[in-house]
C-alpha atoms as a PDB file:
ATOM      1  CA  MET A   1     130.673  94.366  87.622  1.00  0.00           C
ATOM      2  CA  ILE A   2     130.161  98.215  87.455  1.00  0.00           C
ATOM      3  CA  ASP A   3     131.949 100.071  84.407  1.00  0.00           C
ATOM      4  CA  GLU A   4     133.428 102.717  86.567  1.00  0.00           C
ATOM      5  CA  THR A   5     135.745 104.113  83.595  1.00  0.00           C
ATOM      6  CA  PRO A   6     135.652 107.808  84.449  1.00  0.00           C
ATOM      7  CA  THR A   7     134.129 108.960  81.262  1.00  0.00           C
ATOM      8  CA  SER A   8     131.789 106.141  80.662  1.00  0.00           C
ATOM      9  CA  ALA A   9     128.070 106.925  80.670  1.00  0.00           C
ATOM     10  CA  ILE A  10     125.581 105.527  83.065  1.00  0.00           C
ATOM     11  CA  GLY A  11     121.988 106.004  82.314  1.00  0.00           C
ATOM     12  CA  LEU A  12     119.349 107.104  84.985  1.00  0.00           C
ATOM     13  CA  ILE A  13     115.468 106.394  84.069  1.00  0.00           C
ATOM     14  CA  ALA A  14     114.087 108.890  86.806  1.00  0.00           C
ATOM     15  CA  GLY A  15     110.815 108.897  88.441  1.00  0.00           C
ATOM     16  CA  GLY A  16     109.774 111.521  91.016  1.00  0.00           C
ATOM     17  CA  GLY A  17     111.307 112.303  94.452  1.00  0.00           C
ATOM     18  CA  GLN A  18     114.745 113.151  95.112  1.00  0.00           C
ATOM     19  CA  PHE A  19     116.195 109.602  94.685  1.00  0.00           C
ATOM     20  CA  PRO A  20     117.255 110.420  91.048  1.00  0.00           C
ATOM     21  CA  LEU A  21     118.852 113.494  92.456  1.00  0.00           C
ATOM     22  CA  LEU A  22     120.803 111.876  94.530  1.00  0.00           C
ATOM     23  CA  PHE A  23     121.930 109.306  92.312  1.00  0.00           C
ATOM     24  CA  ALA A  24     123.112 111.728  89.646  1.00  0.00           C
ATOM     25  CA  GLU A  25     124.953 113.571  91.983  1.00  0.00           C
ATOM     26  CA  ALA A  26     126.548 110.519  93.481  1.00  0.00           C
ATOM     27  CA  ALA A  27     127.332 109.083  90.077  1.00  0.00           C
ATOM     28  CA  ARG A  28     129.086 112.321  88.819  1.00  0.00           C
ATOM     29  CA  ALA A  29     131.088 112.395  91.987  1.00  0.00           C
ATOM     30  CA  ARG A  30     132.264 109.140  91.036  1.00  0.00           C
ATOM     31  CA  GLY A  31     133.528 110.308  87.470  1.00  0.00           C
ATOM     32  CA  ARG A  32     130.244 108.788  85.563  1.00  0.00           C
ATOM     33  CA  ARG A  33     128.555 110.745  82.873  1.00  0.00           C
ATOM     34  CA  VAL A  34     124.922 110.580  83.833  1.00  0.00           C
ATOM     35  CA  VAL A  35     122.521 110.386  80.791  1.00  0.00           C
ATOM     36  CA  ALA A  36     119.125 111.029  82.582  1.00  0.00           C
ATOM     37  CA  ILE A  37     115.526 109.927  81.079  1.00  0.00           C
ATOM     38  CA  ALA A  38     113.160 111.960  82.773  1.00  0.00           C
ATOM     39  CA  HIS A  39     109.303 111.692  82.754  1.00  0.00           C
ATOM     40  CA  VAL A  40     107.130 114.350  82.316  1.00  0.00           C
ATOM     41  CA  ASN A  41     104.781 115.163  85.143  1.00  0.00           C
ATOM     42  CA  GLU A  42     106.937 112.933  87.540  1.00  0.00           C
ATOM     43  CA  THR A  43     110.563 113.974  87.519  1.00  0.00           C
ATOM     44  CA  ALA A  44     111.546 116.998  89.297  1.00  0.00           C
ATOM     45  CA  PRO A  45     113.058 119.882  86.957  1.00  0.00           C
ATOM     46  CA  GLU A  46     115.938 120.022  89.312  1.00  0.00           C
ATOM     47  CA  ILE A  47     117.205 116.816  87.270  1.00  0.00           C
ATOM     48  CA  GLU A  48     118.560 119.174  84.478  1.00  0.00           C
ATOM     49  CA  ASP A  49     121.068 120.582  87.296  1.00  0.00           C
ATOM     50  CA  GLN A  50     122.095 117.171  88.280  1.00  0.00           C
ATOM     51  CA  ALA A  51     122.480 115.084  85.123  1.00  0.00           C
ATOM     52  CA  ASP A  52     124.973 115.683  82.313  1.00  0.00           C
ATOM     53  CA  VAL A  53     122.008 115.050  79.390  1.00  0.00           C
ATOM     54  CA  VAL A  54     118.293 114.882  80.264  1.00  0.00           C
ATOM     55  CA  TYR A  55     115.752 113.700  77.622  1.00  0.00           C
ATOM     56  CA  TRP A  56     112.129 113.973  78.684  1.00  0.00           C
ATOM     57  CA  VAL A  57     109.649 111.254  77.929  1.00  0.00           C
ATOM     58  CA  LYS A  58     106.109 110.300  78.521  1.00  0.00           C
ATOM     59  CA  LEU A  59     105.411 107.462  80.568  1.00  0.00           C
ATOM     60  CA  GLY A  60     105.735 104.057  78.085  1.00  0.00           C
ATOM     61  CA  GLN A  61     107.949 105.494  75.741  1.00  0.00           C
ATOM     62  CA  LEU A  62     110.325 102.485  76.184  1.00  0.00           C
ATOM     63  CA  GLY A  63     111.384 102.741  72.442  1.00  0.00           C
ATOM     64  CA  LYS A  64     112.687 106.446  72.867  1.00  0.00           C
ATOM     65  CA  ILE A  65     114.531 105.490  75.974  1.00  0.00           C
ATOM     66  CA  ILE A  66     116.287 102.764  74.133  1.00  0.00           C
ATOM     67  CA  LYS A  67     117.185 105.061  71.114  1.00  0.00           C
ATOM     68  CA  TYR A  68     118.514 107.800  73.407  1.00  0.00           C
ATOM     69  CA  PHE A  69     120.632 105.526  75.469  1.00  0.00           C
ATOM     70  CA  ARG A  70     121.946 104.144  71.829  1.00  0.00           C
ATOM     71  CA  LEU A  71     122.641 107.681  71.198  1.00  0.00           C
ATOM     72  CA  GLU A  72     124.669 108.351  74.104  1.00  0.00           C
ATOM     73  CA  ALA A  73     126.418 104.956  74.139  1.00  0.00           C
ATOM     74  CA  VAL A  74     124.902 104.047  77.386  1.00  0.00           C
ATOM     75  CA  ALA A  75     125.463 100.574  78.311  1.00  0.00           C
ATOM     76  CA  GLU A  76     124.532 100.458  82.166  1.00  0.00           C
ATOM     77  CA  THR A  77     121.376 101.982  83.595  1.00  0.00           C
ATOM     78  CA  VAL A  78     119.589 102.220  87.126  1.00  0.00           C
ATOM     79  CA  PHE A  79     115.938 102.940  87.862  1.00  0.00           C
ATOM     80  CA  ALA A  80     115.096 105.583  90.580  1.00  0.00           C
ATOM     81  CA  GLY A  81     112.625 107.627  91.843  1.00  0.00           C
ATOM     82  CA  THR A  82     108.760 107.120  91.827  1.00  0.00           C
ATOM     83  CA  ILE A  83     106.074 106.921  89.281  1.00  0.00           C
ATOM     84  CA  THR A  84     102.572 107.629  90.344  1.00  0.00           C
ATOM     85  CA  LYS A  85     101.099 104.070  89.646  1.00  0.00           C
ATOM     86  CA  THR A  86      97.575 105.519  89.209  1.00  0.00           C
ATOM     87  CA  ARG A  87      98.806 107.601  85.849  1.00  0.00           C
ATOM     88  CA  ILE A  88      98.704 103.687  84.400  1.00  0.00           C
ATOM     89  CA  PHE A  89      94.880 104.409  83.819  1.00  0.00           C
ATOM     90  CA  HIS A  90      95.336 107.835  82.700  1.00  0.00           C
ATOM     91  CA  ASP A  91      98.243 109.258  81.683  1.00  0.00           C
ATOM     92  CA  ILE A  92     100.423 106.706  79.436  1.00  0.00           C
ATOM     93  CA  LEU A  93     101.346 107.284  75.972  1.00  0.00           C
ATOM     94  CA  PRO A  94     103.326 104.375  74.931  1.00  0.00           C
ATOM     95  CA  ASP A  95     105.204 104.084  71.638  1.00  0.00           C
ATOM     96  CA  LEU A  96     105.370 101.067  69.681  1.00  0.00           C
ATOM     97  CA  LYS A  97     108.164  99.212  71.748  1.00  0.00           C
ATOM     98  CA  GLY A  98     106.190 100.142  75.066  1.00  0.00           C
ATOM     99  CA  LEU A  99     102.965  99.119  73.526  1.00  0.00           C
ATOM    100  CA  SER A 100     104.301  95.559  72.246  1.00  0.00           C
ATOM    101  CA  LEU A 101     105.684  94.905  75.785  1.00  0.00           C
ATOM    102  CA  TRP A 102     102.666  96.205  77.733  1.00  0.00           C
ATOM    103  CA  ASN A 103     100.648  93.729  75.748  1.00  0.00           C
ATOM    104  CA  LYS A 104     102.956  90.976  76.350  1.00  0.00           C
ATOM    105  CA  ILE A 105     102.680  91.203  80.266  1.00  0.00           C
ATOM    106  CA  ASP A 106     100.537  88.916  81.790  1.00  0.00           C
ATOM    107  CA  SER A 107     100.295  90.561  85.100  1.00  0.00           C
ATOM    108  CA  ARG A 108     100.232  94.371  85.721  1.00  0.00           C
ATOM    109  CA  LEU A 109     101.898  94.138  89.041  1.00  0.00           C
ATOM    110  CA  ASP A 110     104.755  96.264  89.985  1.00  0.00           C
ATOM    111  CA  ASP A 111     107.477  93.601  89.613  1.00  0.00           C
ATOM    112  CA  SER A 112     106.036  92.093  86.658  1.00  0.00           C
ATOM    113  CA  ILE A 113     106.167  95.397  84.805  1.00  0.00           C
ATOM    114  CA  LEU A 114     109.607  96.444  86.080  1.00  0.00           C
ATOM    115  CA  ARG A 115     111.307  93.133  85.113  1.00  0.00           C
ATOM    116  CA  ALA A 116     109.906  93.110  82.039  1.00  0.00           C
ATOM    117  CA  VAL A 117     111.516  96.526  81.019  1.00  0.00           C
ATOM    118  CA  ALA A 118     114.526  95.594  82.719  1.00  0.00           C
ATOM    119  CA  ALA A 119     114.623  92.502  80.563  1.00  0.00           C
ATOM    120  CA  SER A 120     113.841  94.354  77.433  1.00  0.00           C
ATOM    121  CA  LEU A 121     116.482  96.740  77.809  1.00  0.00           C
ATOM    122  CA  GLU A 122     118.948  94.122  78.671  1.00  0.00           C
ATOM    123  CA  GLU A 123     118.120  92.660  75.657  1.00  0.00           C
ATOM    124  CA  GLU A 124     119.209  95.707  73.710  1.00  0.00           C
ATOM    125  CA  GLY A 125     122.440  95.211  75.343  1.00  0.00           C
ATOM    126  CA  ILE A 126     121.572  97.910  78.557  1.00  0.00           C
ATOM    127  CA  ARG A 127     122.508  96.445  82.015  1.00  0.00           C
ATOM    128  CA  VAL A 128     120.250  97.222  84.691  1.00  0.00           C
ATOM    129  CA  LEU A 129     122.223  97.889  87.836  1.00  0.00           C
ATOM    130  CA  ALA A 130     120.809  98.015  91.340  1.00  0.00           C
ATOM    131  CA  SER A 131     119.537 101.723  92.198  1.00  0.00           C
ATOM    132  CA  THR A 132     121.670 101.631  95.190  1.00  0.00           C
ATOM    133  CA  CYS A 133     124.939 101.192  93.393  1.00  0.00           C
ATOM    134  CA  TYR A 134     126.471 104.413  94.825  1.00  0.00           C
ATOM    135  CA  LEU A 135     124.057 105.242  97.615  1.00  0.00           C
ATOM    136  CA  ASP A 136     124.333 102.516 100.267  1.00  0.00           C
ATOM    137  CA  ARG A 137     124.258 105.536 102.900  1.00  0.00           C
ATOM    138  CA  LEU A 138     120.832 105.761 102.171  1.00  0.00           C
ATOM    139  CA  PHE A 139     119.879 102.101 103.421  1.00  0.00           C
ATOM    140  CA  PHE A 140     117.453 102.609 106.492  1.00  0.00           C
ATOM    141  CA  PRO A 141     119.766 101.791 109.804  1.00  0.00           C
ATOM    142  CA  GLN A 142     118.954  99.070 112.588  1.00  0.00           C
ATOM    143  CA  GLY A 143     117.802 100.472 115.808  1.00  0.00           C
ATOM    144  CA  VAL A 144     115.364 102.868 117.440  1.00  0.00           C
ATOM    145  CA  LEU A 145     116.025 106.309 115.652  1.00  0.00           C
ATOM    146  CA  THR A 146     113.846 108.526 117.895  1.00  0.00           C
ATOM    147  CA  ARG A 147     113.757 109.281 121.322  1.00  0.00           C
ATOM    148  CA  LYS A 148     110.250 107.009 121.984  1.00  0.00           C
ATOM    149  CA  LYS A 149     110.928 103.356 122.049  1.00  0.00           C
ATOM    150  CA  PRO A 150     108.027 101.162 121.002  1.00  0.00           C
ATOM    151  CA  SER A 151     106.064  99.814 123.934  1.00  0.00           C
ATOM    152  CA  ALA A 152     105.636  95.804 124.174  1.00  0.00           C
ATOM    153  CA  ALA A 153     102.009  96.367 123.287  1.00  0.00           C
ATOM    154  CA  GLN A 154     103.480  98.021 120.069  1.00  0.00           C
ATOM    155  CA  MET A 155     106.170  95.706 119.212  1.00  0.00           C
ATOM    156  CA  GLU A 156     103.046  92.885 119.482  1.00  0.00           C
ATOM    157  CA  ASP A 157     101.303  94.688 116.570  1.00  0.00           C
ATOM    158  CA  ILE A 158     104.847  95.018 114.728  1.00  0.00           C
ATOM    159  CA  ARG A 159     105.224  91.817 114.757  1.00  0.00           C
ATOM    160  CA  PHE A 160     101.550  90.866 113.532  1.00  0.00           C
ATOM    161  CA  GLY A 161     102.020  93.525 111.059  1.00  0.00           C
ATOM    162  CA  TRP A 162     105.327  92.192 110.015  1.00  0.00           C
ATOM    163  CA  LYS A 163     103.927  88.608 108.957  1.00  0.00           C
ATOM    164  CA  VAL A 164     100.825  90.486 107.205  1.00  0.00           C
ATOM    165  CA  ALA A 165     103.034  92.954 105.219  1.00  0.00           C
ATOM    166  CA  ARG A 166     105.412  89.921 104.180  1.00  0.00           C
ATOM    167  CA  GLU A 167     102.454  87.984 102.608  1.00  0.00           C
ATOM    168  CA  VAL A 168     101.085  91.230 100.716  1.00  0.00           C
ATOM    169  CA  GLY A 169     104.519  91.464  99.611  1.00  0.00           C
ATOM    170  CA  ARG A 170     104.742  87.909  98.231  1.00  0.00           C
ATOM    171  CA  LEU A 171     101.565  88.601  95.981  1.00  0.00           C
ATOM    172  CA  ASP A 172     103.418  91.840  94.832  1.00  0.00           C
ATOM    173  CA  ILE A 173     100.561  93.821  95.995  1.00  0.00           C
ATOM    174  CA  GLY A 174     102.630  96.489  98.146  1.00  0.00           C
ATOM    175  CA  GLN A 175     105.109  96.905 100.763  1.00  0.00           C
ATOM    176  CA  CYS A 176     103.144  98.510 103.879  1.00  0.00           C
ATOM    177  CA  VAL A 177     100.490  97.613 106.002  1.00  0.00           C
ATOM    178  CA  VAL A 178      98.787  99.689 108.737  1.00  0.00           C
ATOM    179  CA  VAL A 179      97.505  97.740 112.095  1.00  0.00           C
ATOM    180  CA  ARG A 180      96.185  98.498 115.529  1.00  0.00           C
ATOM    181  CA  ASP A 181      95.543  96.015 118.226  1.00  0.00           C
ATOM    182  CA  ARG A 182      96.872  93.304 115.759  1.00  0.00           C
ATOM    183  CA  SER A 183      93.823  94.388 113.239  1.00  0.00           C
ATOM    184  CA  VAL A 184      94.626  95.205 109.805  1.00  0.00           C
ATOM    185  CA  LEU A 185      93.442  98.498 109.027  1.00  0.00           C
ATOM    186  CA  ALA A 186      94.779  99.325 105.462  1.00  0.00           C
ATOM    187  CA  VAL A 187      97.014  97.072 103.154  1.00  0.00           C
ATOM    188  CA  GLU A 188      99.105  99.440 100.409  1.00  0.00           C
ATOM    189  CA  ALA A 189      98.074  98.593  97.248  1.00  0.00           C
ATOM    190  CA  ILE A 190      98.241 100.793  94.068  1.00  0.00           C
ATOM    191  CA  GLU A 191      97.523 104.291  95.824  1.00  0.00           C
ATOM    192  CA  GLY A 192     100.878 104.376  97.629  1.00  0.00           C
ATOM    193  CA  THR A 193     102.252 104.329 101.360  1.00  0.00           C
ATOM    194  CA  ASP A 194     101.113 107.847 102.074  1.00  0.00           C
ATOM    195  CA  ALA A 195      97.274 107.044 101.004  1.00  0.00           C
ATOM    196  CA  ALA A 196      97.280 103.506 102.715  1.00  0.00           C
ATOM    197  CA  ILE A 197      98.624 105.393 106.184  1.00  0.00           C
ATOM    198  CA  ARG A 198      95.918 108.105 105.797  1.00  0.00           C
ATOM    199  CA  ARG A 199      93.182 105.261 105.264  1.00  0.00           C
ATOM    200  CA  GLY A 200      94.306 103.306 107.856  1.00  0.00           C
ATOM    201  CA  GLY A 201      94.998 106.077 110.477  1.00  0.00           C
ATOM    202  CA  GLU A 202      91.822 107.641 110.110  1.00  0.00           C
ATOM    203  CA  LEU A 203      89.870 104.399 110.794  1.00  0.00           C
ATOM    204  CA  ALA A 204      92.405 103.755 114.003  1.00  0.00           C
ATOM    205  CA  GLY A 205      91.541 106.935 115.303  1.00  0.00           C
ATOM    206  CA  SER A 206      94.804 107.263 117.136  1.00  0.00           C
ATOM    207  CA  GLY A 207      97.691 104.818 117.781  1.00  0.00           C
ATOM    208  CA  ALA A 208      98.020 103.350 114.269  1.00  0.00           C
ATOM    209  CA  VAL A 209     101.237 101.271 113.689  1.00  0.00           C
ATOM    210  CA  VAL A 210     102.768 101.239 110.244  1.00  0.00           C
ATOM    211  CA  VAL A 211     104.772  98.540 109.090  1.00  0.00           C
ATOM    212  CA  LYS A 212     106.967  98.513 106.003  1.00  0.00           C
ATOM    213  CA  LEU A 213     109.058  95.782 104.307  1.00  0.00           C
ATOM    214  CA  LYS A 214     110.600  94.836 101.338  1.00  0.00           C
ATOM    215  CA  LYS A 215     108.865  91.876  99.377  1.00  0.00           C
ATOM    216  CA  PRO A 216     110.232  88.455  99.970  1.00  0.00           C
ATOM    217  CA  ASP A 217     111.750  88.262  96.175  1.00  0.00           C
ATOM    218  CA  GLN A 218     112.508  91.825  96.156  1.00  0.00           C
ATOM    219  CA  ASP A 219     114.426  93.039  93.003  1.00  0.00           C
ATOM    220  CA  PHE A 220     117.121  95.546  94.080  1.00  0.00           C
ATOM    221  CA  ARG A 221     117.229  96.938  90.908  1.00  0.00           C
ATOM    222  CA  PHE A 222     113.971  98.945  91.421  1.00  0.00           C
ATOM    223  CA  ASP A 223     111.014  99.616  93.646  1.00  0.00           C
ATOM    224  CA  LEU A 224     112.849  99.534  97.338  1.00  0.00           C
ATOM    225  CA  PRO A 225     110.667 100.470  99.989  1.00  0.00           C
ATOM    226  CA  ALA A 226     111.446 104.273 101.009  1.00  0.00           C
ATOM    227  CA  THR A 227     110.633 106.389 103.430  1.00  0.00           C
ATOM    228  CA  GLY A 228     111.417 110.017 104.824  1.00  0.00           C
ATOM    229  CA  PRO A 229     109.998 113.335 106.184  1.00  0.00           C
ATOM    230  CA  LYS A 230     106.645 112.796 104.126  1.00  0.00           C
ATOM    231  CA  THR A 231     105.993 109.689 105.655  1.00  0.00           C
ATOM    232  CA  ILE A 232     106.160 111.204 109.279  1.00  0.00           C
ATOM    233  CA  ASP A 233     104.256 114.205 108.277  1.00  0.00           C
ATOM    234  CA  THR A 234     101.220 111.632 106.946  1.00  0.00           C
ATOM    235  CA  LEU A 235     101.321 109.611 110.074  1.00  0.00           C
ATOM    236  CA  ALA A 236     101.532 112.680 112.438  1.00  0.00           C
ATOM    237  CA  SER A 237      98.639 113.814 110.652  1.00  0.00           C
ATOM    238  CA  VAL A 238      96.587 110.909 111.518  1.00  0.00           C
ATOM    239  CA  LYS A 239      97.847 110.747 115.298  1.00  0.00           C
ATOM    240  CA  GLY A 240      99.545 107.502 114.403  1.00  0.00           C
ATOM    241  CA  ALA A 241     102.216 106.011 116.859  1.00  0.00           C
ATOM    242  CA  VAL A 242     105.003 103.913 115.070  1.00  0.00           C
ATOM    243  CA  LEU A 243     106.802 103.482 111.939  1.00  0.00           C
ATOM    244  CA  ALA A 244     108.405 100.059 111.777  1.00  0.00           C
ATOM    245  CA  VAL A 245     110.700  99.474 108.920  1.00  0.00           C
ATOM    246  CA  GLU A 246     112.824  96.659 107.788  1.00  0.00           C
ATOM    247  CA  ALA A 247     116.451  97.715 108.380  1.00  0.00           C
ATOM    248  CA  GLY A 248     119.201  97.527 105.618  1.00  0.00           C
ATOM    249  CA  GLN A 249     116.595  96.650 102.982  1.00  0.00           C
ATOM    250  CA  SER A 250     114.666  99.936 102.549  1.00  0.00           C
ATOM    251  CA  LEU A 251     115.780 103.360 101.592  1.00  0.00           C
ATOM    252  CA  LEU A 252     115.606 106.319 104.389  1.00  0.00           C
ATOM    253  CA  PHE A 253     115.577 109.985 102.880  1.00  0.00           C
ATOM    254  CA  ASP A 254     116.525 113.001 104.959  1.00  0.00           C
ATOM    255  CA  ARG A 255     117.281 111.389 108.075  1.00  0.00           C
ATOM    256  CA  ALA A 256     118.079 114.259 110.655  1.00  0.00           C
ATOM    257  CA  ALA A 257     114.713 116.082 109.269  1.00  0.00           C
ATOM    258  CA  MET A 258     112.697 112.818 109.678  1.00  0.00           C
ATOM    259  CA  VAL A 259     113.643 112.098 113.161  1.00  0.00           C
ATOM    260  CA  ALA A 260     113.045 115.366 114.083  1.00  0.00           C
ATOM    261  CA  ALA A 261     109.710 115.532 112.724  1.00  0.00           C
ATOM    262  CA  ALA A 262     109.012 112.416 114.528  1.00  0.00           C
ATOM    263  CA  ASP A 263     110.371 113.492 118.034  1.00  0.00           C
ATOM    264  CA  ARG A 264     107.978 116.631 117.646  1.00  0.00           C
ATOM    265  CA  ALA A 265     105.215 114.389 117.012  1.00  0.00           C
ATOM    266  CA  GLY A 266     105.946 111.908 119.770  1.00  0.00           C
ATOM    267  CA  LEU A 267     106.140 109.073 117.501  1.00  0.00           C
ATOM    268  CA  VAL A 268     108.308 105.749 117.400  1.00  0.00           C
ATOM    269  CA  VAL A 269     110.434 105.226 114.482  1.00  0.00           C
ATOM    270  CA  VAL A 270     112.314 101.651 114.307  1.00  0.00           C
ATOM    271  CA  GLY A 271     114.403  99.741 112.061  1.00  0.00           C
ATOM    272  CA  LEU A 272     114.216  96.109 112.641  1.00  0.00           C
ATOM    273  CA  CYS A 273     115.889  92.819 111.309  1.00  0.00           C
ATOM    274  CA  GLU A 274     114.387  89.241 111.232  1.00  0.00           C
ATOM    275  CA  ASP A 275     116.955  86.690 112.650  1.00  0.00           C
ATOM    276  CA  GLU A 276     117.321  83.174 111.670  1.00  0.00           C
ATOM    277  CA  HIS A 277     114.158  82.244 113.978  1.00  0.00           C
ATOM    278  CA  GLY A 278     112.048  84.564 112.748  1.00  0.00           C
ATOM    279  CA  ASP A 279     112.430  87.006 115.595  1.00  0.00           C
ATOM    280  CA  LEU A 280     112.508  90.937 115.442  1.00  0.00           C
ATOM    281  CA  ARG A 281     115.228  92.543 116.782  1.00  0.00           C
ATOM    282  CA  TYR A 282     115.903  96.423 116.775  1.00  0.00           C
END
């Protein structure tokens, strides 16, 4: 149950991109006082305009996050926005609390890290909510969004890529694969979706099909798959053909701009659901 007392504070652990800005705007529209924890070199400076209070931290400073939330009487928080995952190798400055947690994590995979941080916050009495609690409108819709529809051959690639992406997600490696002619060209790992699309698209030459799904045990509190105009720009730059996304289980930013860019590039953008028989429908 979300505490929607008009004056109640809600925490926002903000990464990069527009998601934290959209969340802060939506939460304040619902009467919440937004206390944002912004990450240096990740969070957009515009967060200062959208949140009521902003504290800047370095990646890994968990103790500071807890300290600031206690100071502001925050009992609920969300994670929103991206963190450049490769920064864990060269740009992390954990405090004692963060370092202690880091050393306890057996696996440095996305979900393992995020679940461990969430568990630490909840041990301190700070409940972690789904990042979409005020933003259901951002879920990717089912159906073909562009003028072009997927061809029969492209649907075969989507089905093939869907199965591969589901297995990659089950292993908590990534959420996206790039395929062509039922061959795997790239699997998203720590480098992120755009880099995977560039790598796979260059190998394809043209006609690459990108499939992006949630992980089978996806925790909706963090790290939901997300796409937007930048995804389309990247796919168009390698002469790709299709972006297929799991509808209702991922986020779509700037839909109008994204669809317009896809139509200009002659791409297919489609949201699909898997029925009880494992068949894909749009």
